[in-house]
Amino acid sequence: VSQSRYQVSGGWNFFLNTEFLWWVAKEDGLYYAQNHYTGATTSALPPDASTNFKGHLEKVQPHFRPGFRVGLGGNTEYDDWDIFTSWTWFRSTARGNKEGHLLALWSYPNASGAQGASFASGKWHLQLNLFDLEMGRSFWVGRHFSLRPFLGVRGAWIDQNLHIHYT
């Protein structure tokens, strides 16, 4: 039976894996204000949906950022199984700001009613650390195609915050 992985005969059979990542973080709920378009004629602050108010939610927009993954694994002699562990690191920051007739979505909790603002800014920060441990076995499916089903556990440390400032 031929193996569908590299195997060093009588060797240590350890391997190292590194990857450069170019990711964008996507998350709902990163809105910091509601803005009305210039054609609205309401003068209420905060806007009360009285006269022709139409709003647009302002949201911080994350962009692509670099990250990396480093892994170490080893092939076992028993039935061609392998064990692999990896660490993935990624960090992203996104900013946004807006001036005009704004509705403060995250105003002070003890304020009565909705609060208005003339300037709003939002800054979101994300730091992601993923730790994976898996055990799998490669095998041939046909002459030119191999698969590697695996079982594993994953742990994550996700640190994020959204800072919003109103004037």
Protein backbone atom coordinates (compact mmCIF):
# COMPACT_ATOMS: atom_id res chain seq x y z
CA VAL A 1 0.00 0.00 0.00
CA SER A 2 1.50 3.34 -1.00
CA GLN A 3 1.16 6.28 1.37
CA SER A 4 -0.30 9.60 0.29
CA ARG A 5 2.11 11.61 2.42
CA TYR A 6 5.83 12.08 2.68
CA GLN A 7 7.42 9.55 5.01
CA VAL A 8 11.08 9.40 5.90
CA SER A 9 12.07 5.80 6.37
CA GLY A 10 13.72 5.34 9.76
CA GLY A 11 13.71 9.13 10.35
CA TRP A 12 12.09 11.48 12.84
CA ASN A 13 9.19 12.39 10.51
CA PHE A 14 8.55 15.85 11.96
CA PHE A 15 7.40 18.73 9.77
CA LEU A 16 7.02 22.50 10.11
CA ASN A 17 4.33 24.54 8.39
CA THR A 18 4.20 28.35 8.03
CA GLU A 19 1.60 30.43 6.22
CA PHE A 20 1.23 34.11 5.43
CA LEU A 21 -2.42 35.21 5.72
CA TRP A 22 -4.13 38.17 4.07
CA TRP A 23 -7.54 38.38 5.75
CA VAL A 24 -10.33 40.85 6.35
CA ALA A 25 -12.34 40.60 9.57
CA LYS A 26 -16.10 40.87 9.12
CA GLU A 27 -18.41 41.48 12.06
CA ASP A 28 -21.96 42.77 12.38
CA GLY A 29 -22.91 45.53 14.79
CA LEU A 30 -19.97 47.91 14.28
CA TYR A 31 -22.32 50.89 13.81
CA TYR A 32 -21.52 54.08 15.69
CA ALA A 33 -24.07 56.67 14.45
CA GLN A 34 -27.05 57.28 12.21
CA ASN A 35 -26.69 60.05 9.67
CA HIS A 36 -29.38 61.68 7.54
CA TYR A 37 -28.78 62.58 3.93
CA THR A 38 -28.55 66.25 2.92
CA GLY A 39 -32.03 66.32 1.37
CA ALA A 40 -33.79 65.81 4.71
CA THR A 41 -35.63 68.81 6.04
CA THR A 42 -36.14 67.82 9.66
CA SER A 43 -34.67 70.17 12.26
CA ALA A 44 -35.28 67.92 15.24
CA LEU A 45 -32.17 66.84 17.14
CA PRO A 46 -32.23 63.96 17.71
CA PRO A 47 -34.11 63.19 14.48
CA ASP A 48 -37.60 62.08 15.42
CA ALA A 49 -38.77 60.78 12.02
CA SER A 50 -41.06 63.78 11.73
CA THR A 51 -40.44 65.53 8.40
CA ASN A 52 -38.71 63.66 5.58
CA PHE A 53 -36.00 62.15 7.72
CA LYS A 54 -34.10 59.36 6.03
CA GLY A 55 -31.10 57.91 7.76
CA HIS A 56 -27.97 55.96 6.94
CA LEU A 57 -26.10 53.88 9.51
CA GLU A 58 -22.40 54.74 9.80
CA LYS A 59 -20.15 51.73 10.37
CA VAL A 60 -16.42 51.19 10.72
CA GLN A 61 -15.11 49.31 7.66
CA PRO A 62 -12.29 46.81 8.25
CA HIS A 63 -9.71 46.34 5.47
CA PHE A 64 -7.43 43.45 4.56
CA ARG A 65 -4.57 42.95 7.02
CA PRO A 66 -1.69 40.47 7.30
CA GLY A 67 -1.51 37.58 9.73
CA PHE A 68 0.34 34.29 10.03
CA ARG A 69 -0.02 30.63 10.99
CA VAL A 70 2.78 28.43 12.34
CA GLY A 71 2.40 24.70 12.79
CA LEU A 72 4.42 21.69 13.89
CA GLY A 73 3.48 18.10 13.24
CA GLY A 74 4.75 14.58 13.18
CA ASN A 75 3.98 11.37 11.33
CA THR A 76 3.50 8.24 13.43
CA GLU A 77 4.50 4.76 12.44
CA TYR A 78 1.12 3.33 13.43
CA ASP A 79 -1.22 3.01 10.42
CA ASP A 80 0.02 6.29 8.79
CA TRP A 81 -1.60 8.62 11.36
CA ASP A 82 -0.20 12.10 11.96
CA ILE A 83 -0.49 14.70 14.73
CA PHE A 84 -0.41 18.43 13.98
CA THR A 85 -0.61 21.57 16.13
CA SER A 86 -0.79 25.17 14.93
CA TRP A 87 -1.10 28.75 16.14
CA THR A 88 -2.87 31.43 14.06
CA TRP A 89 -2.37 35.14 14.80
CA PHE A 90 -4.36 37.99 13.25
CA ARG A 91 -4.93 41.62 14.20
CA SER A 92 -7.16 44.24 12.60
CA THR A 93 -8.13 47.85 13.29
CA ALA A 94 -10.88 49.84 11.59
CA ARG A 95 -11.89 53.49 11.96
CA GLY A 96 -14.69 55.72 10.82
CA ASN A 97 -15.94 59.24 11.54
CA LYS A 98 -18.77 61.44 10.41
CA GLU A 99 -19.86 65.04 10.87
CA GLY A 100 -23.36 66.46 10.51
CA HIS A 101 -26.80 65.90 11.96
CA LEU A 102 -26.25 62.55 13.74
CA LEU A 103 -28.11 60.22 16.03
CA ALA A 104 -25.82 58.79 18.75
CA LEU A 105 -26.54 55.05 18.76
CA TRP A 106 -24.45 54.30 21.86
CA SER A 107 -25.24 57.36 24.01
CA TYR A 108 -24.96 57.51 27.79
CA PRO A 109 -27.30 54.87 29.26
CA ASN A 110 -28.94 57.22 31.80
CA ALA A 111 -29.86 59.83 29.18
CA SER A 112 -33.57 60.17 28.56
CA GLY A 113 -34.51 59.53 24.94
CA ALA A 114 -32.22 59.48 21.96
CA GLN A 115 -29.21 61.80 21.90
CA GLY A 116 -28.00 63.94 19.02
CA ALA A 117 -24.42 64.65 17.99
CA SER A 118 -22.61 66.82 15.46
CA PHE A 119 -19.54 64.56 15.23
CA ALA A 120 -19.10 60.83 15.80
CA SER A 121 -16.09 58.56 15.47
CA GLY A 122 -15.67 54.85 15.95
CA LYS A 123 -12.55 52.70 16.29
CA TRP A 124 -12.67 48.90 16.39
CA HIS A 125 -9.72 46.71 17.35
CA LEU A 126 -9.51 42.92 17.03
CA GLN A 127 -6.74 40.55 18.07
CA LEU A 128 -7.25 36.86 17.32
CA ASN A 129 -5.19 33.90 18.53
CA LEU A 130 -6.29 30.40 17.47
CA PHE A 131 -4.73 27.19 18.75
CA ASP A 132 -5.43 23.91 16.94
CA LEU A 133 -4.50 20.32 17.73
CA GLU A 134 -5.51 17.66 15.23
CA MET A 135 -4.94 14.03 14.42
CA GLY A 136 -5.52 12.74 10.88
CA ARG A 137 -4.72 10.12 8.32
CA SER A 138 -4.03 10.66 4.60
CA PHE A 139 -5.15 8.10 2.04
CA TRP A 140 -5.56 7.82 -1.72
CA VAL A 141 -8.98 8.18 -3.35
CA GLY A 142 -8.25 7.15 -6.90
CA ARG A 143 -4.92 7.42 -8.64
CA HIS A 144 -4.27 11.20 -8.42
CA PHE A 145 -6.37 12.38 -5.47
CA SER A 146 -5.79 12.00 -1.72
CA LEU A 147 -7.82 13.04 1.33
CA ARG A 148 -6.89 13.66 4.96
CA PRO A 149 -9.86 13.48 7.33
CA PHE A 150 -9.01 14.58 10.86
CA LEU A 151 -10.34 15.11 14.37
CA GLY A 152 -9.22 17.98 16.51
CA VAL A 153 -9.78 20.58 19.17
CA ARG A 154 -9.58 24.34 18.80
CA GLY A 155 -9.11 27.05 21.37
CA ALA A 156 -9.40 30.77 20.70
CA TRP A 157 -8.42 33.93 22.48
CA ILE A 158 -10.31 36.83 20.92
CA ASP A 159 -9.75 40.34 22.24
CA GLN A 160 -11.81 43.09 20.66
CA ASN A 161 -13.21 46.48 21.55
CA LEU A 162 -15.22 49.25 19.93
CA HIS A 163 -14.50 52.82 21.09
CA ILE A 164 -17.00 55.51 20.12
CA HIS A 165 -16.72 59.25 20.69
CA TYR A 166 -19.49 61.82 20.25
CA THR A 167 -19.45 65.61 20.22
